[in-house]
Amino acid sequence: MKIQAINHQVSVSDQLTIADLEQLKALGVAVIVCNRPDAEAQDQTDFADIAKAAAALAIKAVNLPFTGNQMTQEQVDTLATLLQEGQRLHAYCRTGNRSTQIIAASERQQQALLAAKSGNDGAEKLLFDIAIVGAGSGGIATCASLLKRRPDLNIALIDPAEYHYYQPGWTMVGGGIFSAAETRRKTADLIPQGVTLIVGQVATFYPDQQRITLGDGRSLHYGQLVVAAGLKLDWSAVEGLEETLGKNSVTSNYRYDLAPYTWELVSNLKQGKALFTQPPMPIKCAGAPQKAMYLSADSWQKKGLLKAINIHFYNAGAVLFGVAAYVPALQSYIDKYAADVHFQHNLIKVDGPGRQAWFSCKDADGNDAVVQTSFDMLHVVPPQCAPDFIRQSPLADANGWLDVDPQTLQHKVHKNIWGLGDVTNTTNAKTMAAARKQAPVVAKNIASVLAGAAPASAYDGYGSCPLTVERGKIVLAEFGYAGKLLPSFPQWLINGTRPSRLAWILKTYLLPSVYWQLMLKGREWMV
């Protein structure tokens, strides 16, 4: 018996024998369908014998035999009704081809039945093998990797955004190296051929029904669900910040429209006090707050302005970087630029017109305190959390993040749900590089499950943070779970713990092409 999974619910094979039924039972099959007339071959087991043995295993057996492509509408309707019941179903014939044909016809009928059954609310109903929430880095890459393995899958990508962004490039925009336009493309232009792009926002998850609802009332049914929804930049968590962003010398490289303003401020500042902030973890790209500071300081140094500009880095954390191996190199640049570092200082309020910022911290006795300081330029990294529709869903953990196994990326409760990227509760760094490694793991594991096997691939927590310490040099931090160093290159080529010109070339000239031309197209370079 050669089993081929059609989707999460349905599989087909060549002719069954009675001995095959135990294996089907172990795979969770509750219904078998015969599409082969008896006596087509001498060695063929009759349907009656299959049905009797199946009944002993509490498997329902249904006989829908036909020759060639001469299936009847009644047979299609019967199979559609069986599919509607939602039980694991296996169909067989001589080679599996006839079963595949009638299943395809019946699934079209099933969609019509589903719409009719659910249609009393007037909402459009949609049915897919795979639904992917989020057409960002992780969502599109997973979609492409799935199709590489199973081109027959019916996949929907759900996202409200008109544009897709190469967000790692925004630090370079803020440093005057990239233009903002280089980092943006239309989402629709990046969707793999044959995939349905649904422009909309997810409202509610119903995992027990394998269904989600969209903000416009549409209801989408899925076999497997991938959640790659990113995270929420919570600008409103800092009092006064939203009103002053993009003016009053307050900026952030964490927004497409603001990164050019960062470079404008850096280019125009001649003297004064420049503040750079980092909120509590977790955040998207933990090195980005420092990158903004280093590139700005490098520009000022090259202009001979560094002595006239006081640089301050306010970090809500207790260390310069979470992986100790990279701290000495970073500290050398802190010293080079004469930056004052303030640990355990968290930005809580901004007065843009007054050029004032307030930070919560601890005083010398360990008591809660608030300090106020002036600025002539303020680069802010906002607090970050899971999106509201994830935090308020049955898929979230106690802290609001998508609750997945850190290795398989399978949801801990709902086994046909998977997650990757910034939205998950895994402890890896939230970077594009992490999504690049996670996407093939999710794709491989879904393919395994559809084939009736267990998830076999494991994610090691890999993340990469190319820390741009000056124009032309980068500290290439690469690490996995528990801070384990996971370099992609031999040390003689790129030693990630030291500033490197080759790492700069990789970041500036190679990685954007890797992103657009390889990662988003399912070409799994160095994965």
Protein backbone atom coordinates (compact mmCIF):
# COMPACT_ATOMS: atom_id res chain seq x y z
CA MET A 1 0.00 0.00 0.00
CA LYS A 2 1.43 3.37 -1.10
CA ILE A 3 -0.33 6.14 0.81
CA GLN A 4 -0.55 9.64 -0.66
CA ALA A 5 -1.99 12.42 1.50
CA ILE A 6 -4.39 14.73 -0.33
CA ASN A 7 -4.83 17.03 2.67
CA HIS A 8 -5.06 16.83 6.45
CA GLN A 9 -8.26 14.76 6.25
CA VAL A 10 -7.99 12.65 3.13
CA SER A 11 -5.49 10.15 1.70
CA VAL A 12 -5.51 7.71 -1.19
CA SER A 13 -3.63 4.57 -2.15
CA ASP A 14 -3.50 1.63 -4.47
CA GLN A 15 -5.43 -1.58 -3.73
CA LEU A 16 -5.83 -2.42 -0.02
CA THR A 17 -5.37 -5.75 1.63
CA ILE A 18 -6.87 -6.76 4.96
CA ALA A 19 -3.40 -6.49 6.51
CA ASP A 20 -3.27 -2.79 5.57
CA LEU A 21 -6.24 -1.90 7.76
CA GLU A 22 -4.27 -1.94 11.02
CA GLN A 23 -1.91 0.72 9.61
CA LEU A 24 -4.85 2.87 8.51
CA LYS A 25 -6.41 2.54 11.95
CA ALA A 26 -3.15 3.68 13.55
CA LEU A 27 -3.17 6.75 11.29
CA GLY A 28 -6.62 7.69 12.60
CA VAL A 29 -8.62 6.67 9.52
CA ALA A 30 -12.31 6.35 10.37
CA VAL A 31 -13.74 5.84 6.88
CA ILE A 32 -12.43 3.88 3.89
CA VAL A 33 -13.88 4.29 0.42
CA CYS A 34 -13.43 1.77 -2.38
CA ASN A 35 -13.43 3.21 -5.90
CA ARG A 36 -12.50 -0.04 -7.63
CA PRO A 37 -15.02 -2.62 -8.89
CA ASP A 38 -14.48 -6.16 -7.66
CA ALA A 39 -12.72 -8.70 -9.91
CA GLU A 40 -10.63 -6.22 -11.91
CA ALA A 41 -7.66 -8.46 -11.09
CA GLN A 42 -7.24 -11.99 -9.80
CA ASP A 43 -5.23 -11.01 -6.75
CA GLN A 44 -7.64 -8.23 -5.71
CA THR A 45 -9.29 -8.44 -2.28
CA ASP A 46 -13.06 -8.13 -2.63
CA PHE A 47 -14.75 -5.12 -1.05
CA ALA A 48 -16.98 -7.33 1.13
CA ASP A 49 -13.92 -8.88 2.78
CA ILE A 50 -12.34 -5.43 3.29
CA ALA A 51 -15.58 -4.11 4.77
CA LYS A 52 -15.89 -7.02 7.21
CA ALA A 53 -12.34 -6.61 8.48
CA ALA A 54 -12.76 -2.84 8.69
CA ALA A 55 -15.91 -3.18 10.78
CA ALA A 56 -13.96 -5.26 13.30
CA LEU A 57 -11.65 -2.25 13.71
CA ALA A 58 -14.57 0.22 13.94
CA ILE A 59 -13.74 1.63 10.49
CA LYS A 60 -16.67 2.50 8.25
CA ALA A 61 -16.39 1.09 4.70
CA VAL A 62 -18.21 2.64 1.73
CA ASN A 63 -18.27 1.18 -1.77
CA LEU A 64 -18.24 3.75 -4.62
CA PRO A 65 -16.72 1.80 -7.52
CA PHE A 66 -16.35 3.13 -11.06
CA THR A 67 -14.24 2.52 -14.12
CA GLY A 68 -12.15 5.09 -15.97
CA ASN A 69 -13.52 8.51 -15.14
CA GLN A 70 -17.13 7.35 -15.21
CA MET A 71 -18.03 8.38 -11.69
CA THR A 72 -21.68 9.29 -11.16
CA GLN A 73 -22.99 12.48 -9.58
CA GLU A 74 -24.58 10.36 -6.86
CA GLN A 75 -21.14 8.95 -5.98
CA VAL A 76 -19.63 12.45 -5.93
CA ASP A 77 -22.44 13.66 -3.67
CA THR A 78 -22.03 10.69 -1.33
CA LEU A 79 -18.30 11.26 -0.96
CA ALA A 80 -18.86 15.01 -0.48
CA THR A 81 -21.24 14.22 2.38
CA LEU A 82 -18.66 11.91 3.95
CA LEU A 83 -16.03 14.64 3.69
CA GLN A 84 -18.44 17.07 5.28
CA GLU A 85 -18.53 14.85 8.39
CA GLY A 86 -14.87 15.75 8.96
CA GLN A 87 -13.53 12.29 9.81
CA ARG A 88 -10.20 10.98 8.55
CA LEU A 89 -10.97 9.28 5.22
CA HIS A 90 -8.90 6.99 3.01
CA ALA A 91 -9.91 6.07 -0.56
CA TYR A 92 -8.38 3.40 -2.75
CA CYS A 93 -8.54 1.92 -6.23
CA ARG A 94 -6.01 0.10 -8.43
CA THR A 95 -3.41 2.90 -8.43
CA GLY A 96 -5.05 5.73 -6.48
CA ASN A 97 -5.82 7.80 -9.59
CA ARG A 98 -9.58 7.22 -9.64
CA SER A 99 -9.78 7.98 -5.94
CA THR A 100 -7.89 11.23 -6.48
CA GLN A 101 -10.32 12.21 -9.27
CA ILE A 102 -13.49 11.62 -7.28
CA ILE A 103 -12.04 13.32 -4.21
CA ALA A 104 -11.27 16.43 -6.26
CA ALA A 105 -14.84 16.47 -7.59
CA SER A 106 -16.27 15.81 -4.15
CA GLU A 107 -14.23 18.54 -2.49
CA ARG A 108 -15.73 21.02 -4.91
CA GLN A 109 -19.12 19.65 -3.93
CA GLN A 110 -18.13 19.76 -0.26
CA GLN A 111 -17.36 23.46 -0.52
CA ALA A 112 -20.82 24.05 -1.94
CA LEU A 113 -22.36 21.96 0.85
CA LEU A 114 -20.35 23.86 3.46
CA ALA A 115 -21.48 27.19 2.05
CA ALA A 116 -25.08 26.03 2.00
CA LYS A 117 -24.92 24.69 5.55
CA SER A 118 -23.27 27.83 6.92
CA GLY A 119 -24.92 30.31 4.59
CA ASN A 120 -27.76 31.49 6.81
CA ASP A 121 -25.64 34.47 7.91
CA GLY A 122 -25.11 35.58 4.32
CA ALA A 123 -21.31 35.53 4.67
CA GLU A 124 -18.94 34.13 2.09
CA LYS A 125 -17.40 30.78 3.03
CA LEU A 126 -13.88 29.74 2.02
CA LEU A 127 -12.18 26.34 2.27
CA PHE A 128 -8.43 25.65 1.99
CA ASP A 129 -5.97 22.87 2.71
CA ILE A 130 -3.63 25.42 4.29
CA ALA A 131 -4.41 28.88 5.61
CA ILE A 132 -1.50 31.18 6.44
CA VAL A 133 -2.15 34.23 8.60
CA GLY A 134 0.36 36.92 7.69
CA ALA A 135 2.01 37.65 4.34
CA GLY A 136 5.23 38.88 5.89
CA SER A 137 8.62 37.19 5.80
CA GLY A 138 7.57 34.01 7.58
CA GLY A 139 4.19 33.63 5.88
CA ILE A 140 5.34 33.98 2.28
CA ALA A 141 8.48 31.90 2.83
CA THR A 142 6.47 29.08 4.42
CA CYS A 143 3.95 29.21 1.59
CA ALA A 144 6.71 28.91 -1.01
CA SER A 145 8.42 26.09 0.91
CA LEU A 146 5.14 24.17 1.20
CA LEU A 147 4.49 24.43 -2.53
CA LYS A 148 8.02 23.25 -3.21
CA ARG A 149 7.11 20.01 -1.43
CA ARG A 150 3.41 19.76 -2.29
CA PRO A 151 2.48 21.82 -5.39
CA ASP A 152 -1.07 20.41 -5.27
CA LEU A 153 -1.96 22.19 -2.01
CA ASN A 154 -4.78 24.73 -1.96
CA ILE A 155 -3.29 27.59 0.09
CA ALA A 156 -4.64 30.94 1.25
CA LEU A 157 -2.48 33.81 2.52
CA ILE A 158 -4.36 36.31 4.66
CA ASP A 159 -3.06 39.84 5.21
CA PRO A 160 -4.58 43.34 5.12
CA ALA A 161 -1.39 45.10 3.98
CA GLU A 162 -1.00 46.48 0.47
CA TYR A 163 2.79 46.55 0.83
CA HIS A 164 5.42 44.09 2.04
CA TYR A 165 8.63 45.42 3.60
CA TYR A 166 12.21 44.22 3.91
CA GLN A 167 12.39 45.51 7.47
CA PRO A 168 16.09 44.70 8.11
CA GLY A 169 16.83 47.44 5.58
CA TRP A 170 15.26 50.21 7.67
CA THR A 171 18.36 50.55 9.86
CA MET A 172 20.33 51.18 6.67
CA VAL A 173 17.74 53.74 5.55
CA GLY A 174 18.18 55.52 8.88
CA GLY A 175 21.94 55.45 8.29
CA GLY A 176 21.71 56.97 4.82
CA ILE A 177 22.79 53.77 3.04
CA PHE A 178 19.53 52.47 1.52
CA SER A 179 16.57 54.42 0.21
CA ALA A 180 13.21 53.59 1.76
CA ALA A 181 11.81 52.62 -1.64
CA GLU A 182 14.34 49.76 -1.89
CA THR A 183 12.68 48.07 1.09
CA ARG A 184 9.09 48.04 -0.19
CA ARG A 185 7.16 46.00 -2.75
CA LYS A 186 3.48 45.28 -3.35
CA THR A 187 2.32 42.25 -1.37
CA ALA A 188 0.33 40.88 -4.30
CA ASP A 189 3.48 40.78 -6.46
CA LEU A 190 5.22 38.43 -4.01
CA ILE A 191 2.52 35.78 -3.60
CA PRO A 192 3.48 32.40 -5.16
CA GLN A 193 1.56 31.42 -8.28
CA GLY A 194 -1.65 29.55 -7.56
CA VAL A 195 -1.98 30.83 -3.98
CA THR A 196 -5.07 32.81 -3.00
CA LEU A 197 -4.28 36.18 -1.39
CA ILE A 198 -7.13 37.21 0.90
CA VAL A 199 -6.88 40.91 1.73
CA GLY A 200 -8.35 41.14 5.19
CA GLN A 201 -7.77 41.08 8.92
CA VAL A 202 -8.34 37.99 11.07
CA ALA A 203 -10.94 38.64 13.76
CA THR A 204 -11.43 35.33 15.59
CA PHE A 205 -9.97 31.83 15.74
CA TYR A 206 -12.16 28.74 16.23
CA PRO A 207 -9.53 25.99 16.39
CA ASP A 208 -11.95 23.20 17.32
CA GLN A 209 -13.92 23.96 14.15
CA GLN A 210 -10.81 24.55 12.03
CA ARG A 211 -12.20 27.93 11.16
CA ILE A 212 -11.30 31.61 11.37
CA THR A 213 -13.45 34.66 10.78
CA LEU A 214 -12.31 37.83 9.09
CA GLY A 215 -13.15 41.38 10.01
CA ASP A 216 -15.60 41.70 7.12
CA GLY A 217 -17.61 38.66 8.25
CA ARG A 218 -16.14 36.06 5.92
CA SER A 219 -15.48 32.64 7.40
CA LEU A 220 -12.47 30.57 6.31
CA HIS A 221 -12.09 26.83 6.92
CA TYR A 222 -8.70 25.12 6.85
CA GLY A 223 -7.00 21.79 7.22
CA GLN A 224 -3.71 23.14 8.56
CA LEU A 225 -3.22 26.67 9.88
CA VAL A 226 0.07 28.61 9.92
CA VAL A 227 0.20 31.76 12.04
CA ALA A 228 2.95 34.21 11.05
CA ALA A 229 1.25 37.38 12.20
CA GLY A 230 4.30 39.32 13.41
CA LEU A 231 4.10 41.53 16.47
CA LYS A 232 2.57 44.84 17.49
CA LEU A 233 4.64 48.02 17.87
CA ASP A 234 2.95 49.56 20.89
CA TRP A 235 3.70 53.26 20.38
CA SER A 236 0.84 54.22 22.69
CA ALA A 237 2.60 52.56 25.66
CA VAL A 238 4.90 55.61 25.89
CA GLU A 239 2.98 58.71 26.93
CA GLY A 240 3.11 61.49 24.36
CA LEU A 241 5.10 59.48 21.81
CA GLU A 242 2.50 59.01 19.05
CA GLU A 243 1.78 62.75 18.86
CA THR A 244 5.40 63.69 18.27
CA LEU A 245 6.72 60.92 16.01
CA GLY A 246 8.21 62.28 12.81
CA LYS A 247 8.62 65.80 14.15
CA ASN A 248 10.21 67.66 17.06
CA SER A 249 13.42 65.63 16.43
CA VAL A 250 11.71 62.38 17.50
CA THR A 251 12.15 59.44 15.13
CA SER A 252 12.39 55.65 14.84
CA ASN A 253 13.86 53.19 12.35
CA TYR A 254 11.04 50.81 13.27
CA ARG A 255 8.68 52.49 10.80
CA TYR A 256 9.03 52.77 7.03
CA ASP A 257 7.94 56.41 6.93
CA LEU A 258 10.17 57.44 9.85
CA ALA A 259 13.51 55.86 8.91
CA PRO A 260 14.30 58.62 6.36
CA TYR A 261 13.61 61.19 9.09
CA THR A 262 16.30 59.51 11.21
CA TRP A 263 18.88 60.19 8.51
CA GLU A 264 17.60 63.76 8.14
CA LEU A 265 18.08 64.37 11.86
CA VAL A 266 21.54 62.76 11.87
CA SER A 267 22.61 64.80 8.85
CA ASN A 268 21.42 68.10 10.35
CA LEU A 269 22.54 67.71 13.97
CA LYS A 270 25.72 69.65 14.66
CA GLN A 271 25.75 69.70 18.46
CA GLY A 272 23.64 68.78 21.46
CA LYS A 273 22.30 65.63 23.07
CA ALA A 274 21.23 62.54 21.12
CA LEU A 275 19.23 59.84 22.91
CA PHE A 276 18.73 56.25 21.72
CA THR A 277 16.32 53.96 23.59
CA GLN A 278 15.68 50.23 23.90
CA PRO A 279 12.50 48.89 25.59
CA PRO A 280 12.11 45.67 27.59
CA MET A 281 12.47 42.41 25.69
CA PRO A 282 11.16 40.75 23.63
CA ILE A 283 11.50 43.07 20.65
CA LYS A 284 11.99 42.70 16.93
CA CYS A 285 15.76 42.62 16.21
CA ALA A 286 17.32 43.27 19.59
CA GLY A 287 20.38 44.83 18.00
CA ALA A 288 18.51 47.47 16.01
CA PRO A 289 18.43 50.09 18.80
CA GLN A 290 22.23 49.97 18.96
CA LYS A 291 22.65 49.91 15.18
CA ALA A 292 20.83 53.23 14.94
CA MET A 293 23.22 54.69 17.50
CA TYR A 294 26.41 53.30 15.94
CA LEU A 295 25.59 54.46 12.41
CA SER A 296 24.63 57.92 13.66
CA ALA A 297 27.81 58.20 15.73
CA ASP A 298 29.93 57.03 12.80
CA SER A 299 28.46 59.78 10.62
CA TRP A 300 29.10 62.43 13.26
CA GLN A 301 32.65 61.18 13.79
CA LYS A 302 33.43 61.36 10.08
CA LYS A 303 32.21 64.99 10.09
CA GLY A 304 34.31 65.85 13.14
CA LEU A 305 31.21 66.52 15.23
CA LEU A 306 31.48 63.75 17.80
CA LYS A 307 32.95 65.95 20.54
CA ALA A 308 30.04 68.38 20.16
CA ILE A 309 27.33 65.70 20.38
CA ASN A 310 26.64 63.82 23.61
CA ILE A 311 25.35 60.31 22.86
CA HIS A 312 23.23 58.47 25.43
CA PHE A 313 21.90 54.91 25.16
CA TYR A 314 18.98 54.18 27.51
CA ASN A 315 18.51 50.41 27.72
CA ALA A 316 15.67 48.85 29.73
CA GLY A 317 17.78 45.71 30.05
CA ALA A 318 20.76 45.03 32.28
CA VAL A 319 23.37 44.17 29.61
CA LEU A 320 24.55 45.61 26.32
CA PHE A 321 23.68 42.44 24.39
CA GLY A 322 22.08 39.17 25.47
CA VAL A 323 24.86 36.91 24.14
CA ALA A 324 28.07 37.64 26.03
CA ALA A 325 30.45 36.63 23.21
CA TYR A 326 29.52 39.75 21.22
CA VAL A 327 29.70 42.28 24.06
CA PRO A 328 33.47 43.05 23.91
CA ALA A 329 33.29 44.14 20.28
CA LEU A 330 30.20 46.25 20.92
CA GLN A 331 31.72 47.78 24.05
CA SER A 332 34.74 48.86 22.03
CA TYR A 333 32.43 50.96 19.85
CA ILE A 334 30.61 52.35 22.86
CA ASP A 335 34.03 53.54 24.02
CA LYS A 336 35.05 54.74 20.56
CA TYR A 337 31.96 56.94 20.27
CA ALA A 338 32.09 58.01 23.94
CA ALA A 339 28.47 56.98 24.43
CA ASP A 340 26.96 57.01 27.92
CA VAL A 341 25.01 53.79 28.58
CA HIS A 342 22.17 53.79 31.10
CA PHE A 343 21.03 50.27 31.95
CA GLN A 344 17.57 49.48 33.35
CA HIS A 345 16.17 52.79 32.11
CA ASN A 346 12.86 52.44 30.30
CA LEU A 347 11.31 55.29 28.32
CA ILE A 348 7.82 56.08 29.65
CA LYS A 349 7.02 59.63 28.46
CA VAL A 350 8.04 62.11 25.77
CA ASP A 351 7.38 65.83 25.40
CA GLY A 352 8.33 66.51 21.80
CA PRO A 353 7.85 70.29 21.64
CA GLY A 354 9.66 70.66 24.97
CA ARG A 355 12.42 68.21 23.93
CA GLN A 356 12.10 66.24 27.19
CA ALA A 357 12.09 62.50 27.91
CA TRP A 358 11.30 60.55 31.10
CA PHE A 359 12.63 57.12 32.06
CA SER A 360 11.63 54.73 34.82
CA CYS A 361 14.61 53.24 36.68
CA LYS A 362 15.95 52.35 40.12
CA ASP A 363 17.67 54.80 42.44
CA ALA A 364 20.86 54.06 44.38
CA ASP A 365 18.83 52.28 47.06
CA GLY A 366 16.95 50.09 44.59
CA ASN A 367 13.70 52.01 44.80
CA ASP A 368 11.56 52.87 41.79
CA ALA A 369 12.41 56.25 40.38
CA VAL A 370 11.84 58.45 37.32
CA VAL A 371 14.53 60.55 35.68
CA GLN A 372 13.99 63.38 33.20
CA THR A 373 16.41 64.55 30.54
CA SER A 374 16.45 66.91 27.57
CA PHE A 375 17.34 65.97 24.00
CA ASP A 376 18.16 67.47 20.63
CA MET A 377 17.48 64.17 18.86
CA LEU A 378 15.55 61.16 20.14
CA HIS A 379 15.53 57.76 18.41
CA VAL A 380 12.84 55.57 19.97
CA VAL A 381 12.29 51.84 19.82
CA PRO A 382 8.70 51.22 20.98
CA PRO A 383 7.55 48.54 23.43
CA GLN A 384 6.35 45.45 21.57
CA CYS A 385 3.78 42.73 22.16
CA ALA A 386 1.73 40.15 20.30
CA PRO A 387 -1.05 41.49 18.06
CA ASP A 388 -4.38 42.02 19.82
CA PHE A 389 -6.20 39.32 17.80
CA ILE A 390 -3.55 36.80 18.89
CA ARG A 391 -3.38 37.87 22.54
CA GLN A 392 -7.17 37.58 22.85
CA SER A 393 -7.37 34.22 21.07
CA PRO A 394 -7.41 30.61 22.32
CA LEU A 395 -4.03 30.14 20.63
CA ALA A 396 -2.09 32.37 23.02
CA ASP A 397 -0.04 31.55 26.11
CA ALA A 398 -0.37 33.46 29.39
CA ASN A 399 1.71 36.32 28.01
CA GLY A 400 -0.27 36.63 24.79
CA TRP A 401 2.21 35.01 22.38
CA LEU A 402 1.37 32.10 20.08
CA ASP A 403 1.99 28.96 22.12
CA VAL A 404 4.15 26.57 20.07
CA ASP A 405 6.69 23.85 20.66
CA PRO A 406 10.12 25.50 20.34
CA GLN A 407 11.53 22.74 18.12
CA THR A 408 8.68 21.57 15.86
CA LEU A 409 6.85 24.95 15.91
CA GLN A 410 3.59 23.01 16.25
CA HIS A 411 0.95 24.48 18.55
CA LYS A 412 1.06 22.82 21.95
CA VAL A 413 -2.69 22.17 22.06
CA HIS A 414 -4.03 22.30 18.51
CA LYS A 415 -1.87 19.96 16.45
CA ASN A 416 -2.94 21.23 13.02
CA ILE A 417 -1.81 24.76 13.89
CA TRP A 418 1.77 25.99 13.44
CA GLY A 419 3.57 29.24 14.12
CA LEU A 420 6.73 31.07 13.17
CA GLY A 421 8.29 34.49 13.19
CA ASP A 422 7.84 37.26 15.72
CA VAL A 423 4.40 36.11 16.96
CA THR A 424 5.56 32.93 18.71
CA ASN A 425 6.62 32.41 22.33
CA THR A 426 9.88 30.72 21.36
CA THR A 427 12.95 32.22 23.05
CA ASN A 428 14.98 32.85 19.90
CA ALA A 429 15.83 36.36 18.69
CA LYS A 430 12.95 37.83 16.70
CA THR A 431 14.74 38.44 13.40
CA MET A 432 14.19 37.86 9.70
CA ALA A 433 17.00 35.31 9.84
CA ALA A 434 15.00 33.29 12.36
CA ALA A 435 11.98 33.24 10.04
CA ARG A 436 14.26 32.15 7.19
CA LYS A 437 15.27 29.06 9.19
CA GLN A 438 11.81 28.41 10.64
CA ALA A 439 9.86 28.41 7.36
CA PRO A 440 11.34 25.15 5.99
CA VAL A 441 10.86 23.48 9.39
CA VAL A 442 7.16 24.32 9.38
CA ALA A 443 6.80 23.29 5.72
CA LYS A 444 8.58 19.97 6.24
CA ASN A 445 6.57 19.17 9.35
CA ILE A 446 3.24 19.95 7.70
CA ALA A 447 4.23 17.77 4.74
CA SER A 448 5.07 14.97 7.17
CA VAL A 449 1.73 15.27 8.93
CA LEU A 450 -0.16 15.29 5.62
CA ALA A 451 1.66 12.07 4.72
CA GLY A 452 0.48 10.47 7.93
CA ALA A 453 3.77 10.77 9.80
CA ALA A 454 4.89 12.73 12.86
CA PRO A 455 6.71 16.08 12.63
CA ALA A 456 10.34 15.23 11.94
CA SER A 457 12.16 18.57 11.58
CA ALA A 458 13.43 20.68 14.46
CA TYR A 459 14.31 24.37 14.74
CA ASP A 460 17.45 25.07 16.78
CA GLY A 461 16.61 28.65 17.75
CA TYR A 462 18.85 30.21 15.11
CA GLY A 463 18.73 33.97 14.82
CA SER A 464 21.10 36.48 13.30
CA CYS A 465 21.68 40.10 14.14
CA PRO A 466 24.17 41.88 11.86
CA LEU A 467 25.21 44.69 14.23
CA THR A 468 26.28 47.59 12.02
CA VAL A 469 28.90 49.28 14.19
CA GLU A 470 30.17 51.65 11.51
CA ARG A 471 29.71 52.22 7.80
CA GLY A 472 31.70 49.36 6.29
CA LYS A 473 31.90 47.01 9.30
CA ILE A 474 29.47 44.66 11.04
CA VAL A 475 29.57 42.37 14.07
CA LEU A 476 27.69 39.36 12.70
CA ALA A 477 25.93 37.87 15.72
CA GLU A 478 24.52 34.39 15.01
CA PHE A 479 23.17 32.29 17.84
CA GLY A 480 20.48 29.83 18.84
CA TYR A 481 18.62 28.73 21.92
CA ALA A 482 20.38 29.48 25.24
CA GLY A 483 22.82 31.78 23.44
CA LYS A 484 24.64 28.96 21.66
CA LEU A 485 26.83 30.39 18.89
CA LEU A 486 25.73 29.15 15.46
CA PRO A 487 28.04 30.74 12.90
CA SER A 488 27.24 30.22 9.22
CA PHE A 489 30.80 30.78 8.04
CA PRO A 490 34.22 29.52 9.15
CA GLN A 491 35.99 31.90 11.52
CA TRP A 492 38.83 32.53 9.07
CA LEU A 493 36.26 34.00 6.70
CA ILE A 494 33.91 35.85 9.09
CA ASN A 495 34.57 35.86 12.83
CA GLY A 496 31.22 36.99 14.15
CA THR A 497 32.63 38.26 17.43
CA ARG A 498 34.73 40.88 15.64
CA PRO A 499 33.84 43.75 13.28
CA SER A 500 34.06 42.52 9.70
CA ARG A 501 34.14 44.09 6.25
CA LEU A 502 32.90 40.83 4.69
CA ALA A 503 29.88 40.85 7.03
CA TRP A 504 29.14 44.38 5.80
CA ILE A 505 29.22 43.17 2.18
CA LEU A 506 26.93 40.28 3.12
CA LYS A 507 24.43 42.57 4.85
CA THR A 508 24.50 45.40 2.32
CA TYR A 509 24.81 43.66 -1.03
CA LEU A 510 23.86 39.99 -0.66
CA LEU A 511 21.14 39.58 1.95
CA PRO A 512 18.54 41.78 0.22
CA SER A 513 18.80 39.57 -2.88
CA VAL A 514 18.73 36.44 -0.71
CA TYR A 515 15.51 37.76 0.80
CA TRP A 516 13.65 38.75 -2.37
CA GLN A 517 14.96 36.10 -4.76
CA LEU A 518 15.55 33.07 -2.54
CA MET A 519 13.76 33.13 0.81
CA LEU A 520 10.39 34.39 -0.45
CA LYS A 521 10.52 31.93 -3.37
CA GLY A 522 11.17 28.77 -1.37
CA ARG A 523 14.83 28.53 -2.31
CA GLU A 524 16.20 27.51 1.05
CA TRP A 525 19.76 28.83 0.91
CA MET A 526 21.93 27.70 3.84
CA VAL A 527 18.99 26.16 5.65
